[in-house]
Amino acid sequence: MKLWQKSDKFWLFSSVISSAVLYLNLVWKATADIDKLTTESLFGVAILWLLWRQRDKLNFKSSLLATCFGSVLILLVLVKSLSLFWFESTLIPLIPIFIAFGLALIASGFKGLRQYWRELFFAWFLFFPEGVIGTAIDKLIHITVINAKLASFLLHYVGFSVASQSNQVILNLPKLGQFTALVDYPCAGIPMIVLMLRISLLLIAFFPLPKKERFLVPLVSLGIGFGLGVIRVCILTVLLPEEAKFDYWHGTAGSQIFSTLAIVIFSFFCHSILKKYNLLDSAPKSELSSSGVR
């Protein structure tokens, strides 16, 4: 029985690693973006670590139906990955969740899916296009509109003549005229907010934090992302008359500066939380049940 379980574990982890390599290869071919490849690799390592942590408690008992269904899912991914056209690159983020479900079904069947709920959730949430998630969040709570209003308030507070209308910030300069900044999805820092939320949920999954901190950490991550997004809109609005400077801060370089700053600030916050509960010098526990995470 022990040899059988070891064989199942070896098959499962080797399949996960092979699937991760396949996915990262597709990401590189589709984007050639080293930053995205690095981020996706870190997410893959995180999921693998979550799975490894509970390796001794996994129940490997599947059924013929579950095995067939899981095999079909993986076969579809493999066939499609070999014949993926350039215009189908939007399908690549769906690969991790398809593979995760397929492997979980083959390993443990339909009844055993519950023991992989963390891995399945992160296989969807970490790799799913941030644009889709961010747009859904914006439609729900109108981040772009709130961002524009707060940016207008801050600019007015420091002495600028501004007004807000929906997701627009209208700047009046006596000598240069009127300028309008349209606060859309990326300008509002929504990609940064989604990234911070992903990182915060990973932290909660890895460390047995008390219940209060499990709510606090995501809220702080959202607050940091949103706050820096408002500051960025203020800067962009003021720089509207200066095209070169506006293009820099509106472009990839300017966006990455704010993303990096958000991660640095959040890292200091996380360090203080982990230090408070003496979690820095000890590895995360194999199960989070002691902290009530279910």
Protein backbone atom coordinates (compact mmCIF):
# COMPACT_ATOMS: atom_id res chain seq x y z
CA MET A 1 0.00 0.00 0.00
CA LYS A 2 2.81 2.45 0.86
CA LEU A 3 4.58 1.67 -2.41
CA TRP A 4 1.31 2.27 -4.26
CA GLN A 5 0.80 5.62 -2.52
CA LYS A 6 4.38 6.65 -3.29
CA SER A 7 3.80 5.75 -6.93
CA ASP A 8 0.63 7.85 -6.99
CA LYS A 9 2.43 10.81 -5.42
CA PHE A 10 5.29 10.53 -7.89
CA TRP A 11 2.85 10.38 -10.81
CA LEU A 12 0.86 13.36 -9.53
CA PHE A 13 3.82 15.65 -8.87
CA SER A 14 5.66 14.71 -12.04
CA SER A 15 2.47 15.42 -14.01
CA VAL A 16 2.03 18.80 -12.31
CA ILE A 17 5.65 19.79 -13.04
CA SER A 18 5.40 18.63 -16.67
CA SER A 19 2.15 20.55 -17.13
CA ALA A 20 3.72 23.68 -15.63
CA VAL A 21 6.64 23.45 -18.05
CA LEU A 22 4.21 23.07 -20.97
CA TYR A 23 2.18 26.07 -19.84
CA LEU A 24 5.20 28.32 -19.28
CA ASN A 25 6.53 27.37 -22.71
CA LEU A 26 3.23 28.46 -24.27
CA VAL A 27 3.27 31.70 -22.28
CA TRP A 28 6.77 32.50 -23.54
CA LYS A 29 5.89 31.70 -27.16
CA ALA A 30 2.73 33.83 -26.98
CA THR A 31 4.11 36.87 -25.13
CA ALA A 32 7.94 36.71 -25.02
CA ASP A 33 7.50 38.75 -21.83
CA ILE A 34 10.13 37.83 -19.24
CA ASP A 35 8.25 39.65 -16.43
CA LYS A 36 5.07 37.70 -17.12
CA LEU A 37 7.02 34.45 -17.40
CA THR A 38 8.71 35.11 -14.04
CA THR A 39 5.41 35.96 -12.34
CA GLU A 40 3.64 32.91 -13.76
CA SER A 41 6.58 30.71 -12.69
CA LEU A 42 6.33 31.99 -9.12
CA PHE A 43 2.58 31.29 -9.12
CA GLY A 44 3.26 27.77 -10.38
CA VAL A 45 5.83 27.15 -7.64
CA ALA A 46 3.32 28.42 -5.06
CA ILE A 47 0.65 25.96 -6.20
CA LEU A 48 3.17 23.11 -6.26
CA TRP A 49 4.25 23.99 -2.70
CA LEU A 50 0.65 24.02 -1.48
CA LEU A 51 0.18 20.57 -2.98
CA TRP A 52 3.46 19.27 -1.56
CA ARG A 53 2.54 20.48 1.90
CA GLN A 54 -0.45 18.16 2.11
CA ARG A 55 1.10 15.24 0.19
CA ASP A 56 0.81 12.81 3.12
CA LYS A 57 -2.91 13.47 3.58
CA LEU A 58 -4.02 13.10 -0.03
CA ASN A 59 -6.52 10.34 -0.76
CA PHE A 60 -5.73 8.66 -4.09
CA LYS A 61 -8.98 6.91 -4.92
CA SER A 62 -10.62 7.64 -8.24
CA SER A 63 -13.34 6.09 -10.39
CA LEU A 64 -13.43 5.04 -14.02
CA LEU A 65 -15.77 7.91 -14.93
CA ALA A 66 -13.63 10.52 -13.15
CA THR A 67 -10.44 9.12 -14.70
CA CYS A 68 -11.95 9.19 -18.19
CA PHE A 69 -13.30 12.73 -17.74
CA GLY A 70 -9.98 14.00 -16.36
CA SER A 71 -8.06 12.31 -19.18
CA VAL A 72 -10.31 13.98 -21.76
CA LEU A 73 -9.65 17.41 -20.22
CA ILE A 74 -5.89 16.91 -20.32
CA LEU A 75 -6.02 15.43 -23.83
CA LEU A 76 -7.95 18.49 -25.05
CA VAL A 77 -5.29 20.77 -23.57
CA LEU A 78 -2.44 18.78 -25.13
CA VAL A 79 -4.04 18.64 -28.57
CA LYS A 80 -4.93 22.32 -28.52
CA SER A 81 -1.48 23.34 -27.31
CA LEU A 82 0.04 21.66 -30.37
CA SER A 83 -2.30 23.46 -32.76
CA LEU A 84 -2.74 26.81 -31.01
CA PHE A 85 -3.15 29.67 -33.45
CA TRP A 86 -1.93 33.17 -32.63
CA PHE A 87 -5.47 34.51 -32.28
CA GLU A 88 -6.22 31.81 -29.70
CA SER A 89 -3.55 33.00 -27.26
CA THR A 90 -6.35 34.31 -25.02
CA LEU A 91 -7.12 30.66 -24.23
CA ILE A 92 -3.71 30.08 -22.62
CA PRO A 93 -4.72 31.34 -19.11
CA LEU A 94 -7.45 28.66 -19.06
CA ILE A 95 -4.90 25.86 -19.39
CA PRO A 96 -3.86 25.71 -15.68
CA ILE A 97 -7.43 25.25 -14.40
CA PHE A 98 -8.23 22.61 -17.06
CA ILE A 99 -5.07 20.67 -16.21
CA ALA A 100 -5.63 21.08 -12.47
CA PHE A 101 -9.17 19.67 -12.69
CA GLY A 102 -8.02 16.88 -14.99
CA LEU A 103 -5.17 15.74 -12.74
CA ALA A 104 -7.29 16.03 -9.58
CA LEU A 105 -10.01 13.86 -11.13
CA ILE A 106 -7.54 11.23 -12.28
CA ALA A 107 -5.80 11.18 -8.90
CA SER A 108 -8.75 11.31 -6.49
CA GLY A 109 -12.03 11.29 -8.41
CA PHE A 110 -15.02 13.59 -8.05
CA LYS A 111 -15.32 12.99 -4.30
CA GLY A 112 -11.67 13.86 -3.76
CA LEU A 113 -11.82 17.27 -5.45
CA ARG A 114 -12.47 18.97 -2.13
CA GLN A 115 -8.96 18.18 -0.83
CA TYR A 116 -7.52 20.17 -3.75
CA TRP A 117 -9.73 23.23 -3.31
CA ARG A 118 -6.83 25.61 -2.58
CA GLU A 119 -4.83 24.42 -5.57
CA LEU A 120 -7.87 24.56 -7.86
CA PHE A 121 -8.79 28.04 -6.69
CA PHE A 122 -5.30 29.41 -7.26
CA ALA A 123 -4.98 27.59 -10.60
CA TRP A 124 -7.94 29.74 -11.68
CA PHE A 125 -7.39 32.99 -9.78
CA LEU A 126 -3.63 33.37 -10.23
CA PHE A 127 -3.53 32.71 -13.96
CA PHE A 128 -6.91 34.01 -15.12
CA PRO A 129 -6.54 37.24 -17.16
CA GLU A 130 -6.36 40.19 -14.80
CA GLY A 131 -8.25 42.24 -17.38
CA VAL A 132 -11.35 40.06 -17.02
CA ILE A 133 -11.18 40.03 -13.21
CA GLY A 134 -10.43 43.76 -13.03
CA THR A 135 -13.24 44.69 -15.42
CA ALA A 136 -15.70 42.62 -13.38
CA ILE A 137 -14.57 44.36 -10.18
CA ASP A 138 -14.86 47.79 -11.83
CA LYS A 139 -18.39 47.05 -13.04
CA LEU A 140 -19.32 45.97 -9.53
CA ILE A 141 -17.92 48.89 -7.52
CA HIS A 142 -16.94 51.44 -10.25
CA ILE A 143 -13.30 51.86 -9.23
CA THR A 144 -12.55 54.18 -12.15
CA VAL A 145 -15.28 56.63 -11.08
CA ILE A 146 -14.24 56.57 -7.41
CA ASN A 147 -10.61 57.00 -8.44
CA ALA A 148 -11.44 60.04 -10.57
CA LYS A 149 -13.40 61.69 -7.76
CA LEU A 150 -10.68 61.11 -5.15
CA ALA A 151 -7.98 62.30 -7.54
CA SER A 152 -10.00 65.46 -8.17
CA PHE A 153 -10.37 66.00 -4.43
CA LEU A 154 -6.62 65.62 -3.81
CA LEU A 155 -5.71 67.96 -6.67
CA HIS A 156 -8.22 70.52 -5.44
CA TYR A 157 -6.81 70.19 -1.93
CA VAL A 158 -3.27 71.02 -3.10
CA GLY A 159 -4.45 74.05 -5.08
CA PHE A 160 -5.39 72.98 -8.59
CA SER A 161 -8.62 74.02 -10.31
CA VAL A 162 -10.26 70.68 -11.08
CA ALA A 163 -13.65 69.05 -11.45
CA SER A 164 -14.76 65.45 -11.88
CA GLN A 165 -17.44 64.06 -14.15
CA SER A 166 -18.03 60.30 -14.06
CA ASN A 167 -14.56 58.80 -14.67
CA GLN A 168 -13.06 62.07 -15.94
CA VAL A 169 -10.82 64.56 -14.18
CA ILE A 170 -11.07 68.04 -15.71
CA LEU A 171 -8.05 70.24 -15.06
CA ASN A 172 -8.22 74.01 -15.66
CA LEU A 173 -4.93 75.85 -16.05
CA PRO A 174 -5.21 79.66 -16.39
CA LYS A 175 -2.42 80.00 -18.97
CA LEU A 176 -2.75 76.70 -20.82
CA GLY A 177 -6.47 76.02 -20.90
CA GLN A 178 -8.57 73.01 -19.98
CA PHE A 179 -7.40 69.40 -20.02
CA THR A 180 -9.43 66.24 -19.46
CA ALA A 181 -7.98 63.02 -18.07
CA LEU A 182 -10.04 59.92 -18.78
CA VAL A 183 -9.54 57.42 -15.97
CA ASP A 184 -9.87 54.04 -17.62
CA TYR A 185 -9.11 50.49 -16.46
CA PRO A 186 -5.27 50.53 -16.41
CA CYS A 187 -4.91 54.17 -15.33
CA ALA A 188 -6.99 53.52 -12.22
CA GLY A 189 -4.46 50.92 -11.12
CA ILE A 190 -6.87 47.99 -11.39
CA PRO A 191 -4.17 45.60 -12.68
CA MET A 192 -2.06 46.60 -9.67
CA ILE A 193 -5.04 46.02 -7.34
CA VAL A 194 -5.59 42.52 -8.77
CA LEU A 195 -1.88 41.71 -8.40
CA MET A 196 -1.88 42.85 -4.77
CA LEU A 197 -4.99 40.78 -4.04
CA ARG A 198 -3.35 37.70 -5.56
CA ILE A 199 -0.24 38.15 -3.42
CA SER A 200 -2.30 38.69 -0.26
CA LEU A 201 -4.33 35.51 -0.80
CA LEU A 202 -1.13 33.54 -1.32
CA LEU A 203 0.17 34.87 1.99
CA ILE A 204 -3.02 33.77 3.75
CA ALA A 205 -2.78 30.32 2.17
CA PHE A 206 0.83 29.81 3.18
CA PHE A 207 0.78 31.06 6.75
CA PRO A 208 -1.61 30.20 9.64
CA LEU A 209 -2.67 33.75 10.43
CA PRO A 210 -5.39 34.51 12.98
CA LYS A 211 -8.88 35.25 11.67
CA LYS A 212 -8.56 39.02 12.10
CA GLU A 213 -5.38 39.17 10.01
CA ARG A 214 -6.87 36.94 7.32
CA PHE A 215 -9.40 39.71 6.68
CA LEU A 216 -6.95 42.55 7.27
CA VAL A 217 -4.24 41.44 4.83
CA PRO A 218 -6.43 41.48 1.67
CA LEU A 219 -8.00 44.79 2.73
CA VAL A 220 -4.58 46.39 3.17
CA SER A 221 -3.41 45.04 -0.18
CA LEU A 222 -6.48 46.51 -1.88
CA GLY A 223 -6.01 49.81 -0.07
CA ILE A 224 -2.37 50.07 -1.15
CA GLY A 225 -3.19 49.28 -4.76
CA PHE A 226 -6.13 51.67 -4.89
CA GLY A 227 -4.32 54.49 -3.06
CA LEU A 228 -1.31 54.39 -5.37
CA GLY A 229 -3.69 54.27 -8.32
CA VAL A 230 -5.26 57.55 -7.17
CA ILE A 231 -1.83 59.15 -6.77
CA ARG A 232 -0.86 57.99 -10.27
CA VAL A 233 -3.99 59.57 -11.75
CA CYS A 234 -3.13 62.83 -9.99
CA ILE A 235 0.35 62.78 -11.51
CA LEU A 236 -0.96 61.94 -14.98
CA THR A 237 -3.55 64.72 -14.81
CA VAL A 238 -0.99 67.35 -13.83
CA LEU A 239 1.37 66.15 -16.59
CA LEU A 240 -1.23 66.37 -19.38
CA PRO A 241 0.28 69.61 -20.77
CA GLU A 242 3.73 67.98 -20.95
CA GLU A 243 3.38 65.21 -23.50
CA ALA A 244 6.79 63.53 -23.05
CA LYS A 245 6.50 63.26 -19.27
CA PHE A 246 2.86 62.16 -19.54
CA ASP A 247 3.76 59.38 -21.99
CA TYR A 248 6.46 58.10 -19.64
CA TRP A 249 4.24 57.90 -16.55
CA HIS A 250 1.32 56.63 -18.61
CA GLY A 251 3.44 53.93 -20.24
CA THR A 252 4.85 50.62 -19.08
CA ALA A 253 7.81 52.12 -17.22
CA GLY A 254 5.68 54.46 -15.13
CA SER A 255 3.17 51.72 -14.40
CA GLN A 256 5.89 49.33 -13.22
CA ILE A 257 7.28 51.94 -10.85
CA PHE A 258 3.94 52.10 -9.04
CA SER A 259 3.53 48.29 -9.09
CA THR A 260 6.97 47.86 -7.57
CA LEU A 261 6.26 50.52 -4.96
CA ALA A 262 3.00 48.77 -4.05
CA ILE A 263 4.79 45.44 -3.59
CA VAL A 264 7.52 47.05 -1.47
CA ILE A 265 5.00 48.76 0.83
CA PHE A 266 2.94 45.58 1.14
CA SER A 267 6.11 43.58 1.85
CA PHE A 268 6.90 45.79 4.85
CA PHE A 269 3.35 45.34 6.11
CA CYS A 270 3.51 41.55 5.67
CA HIS A 271 6.88 41.45 7.42
CA SER A 272 5.40 43.20 10.45
CA ILE A 273 2.44 40.80 10.55
CA LEU A 274 4.58 37.68 10.24
CA LYS A 275 7.04 38.99 12.80
CA LYS A 276 4.21 39.76 15.20
CA TYR A 277 3.11 36.11 15.19
CA ASN A 278 6.65 34.64 14.99
CA LEU A 279 6.07 33.12 11.56
CA LEU A 280 9.25 34.34 9.89
CA ASP A 281 11.59 31.73 11.30
CA SER A 282 9.31 28.75 10.96
CA ALA A 283 8.04 27.00 7.87
CA PRO A 284 4.30 27.12 7.21
CA LYS A 285 2.44 24.25 8.79
CA SER A 286 1.27 21.37 6.64
CA GLU A 287 -2.33 22.22 7.31
CA LEU A 288 -4.07 25.48 8.04
CA SER A 289 -6.78 23.90 10.14
CA SER A 290 -5.17 25.23 13.31
CA SER A 291 -5.89 28.74 12.12
CA GLY A 292 -9.41 27.85 11.08
CA VAL A 293 -8.86 28.06 7.31
CA ARG A 294 -11.17 25.61 5.60
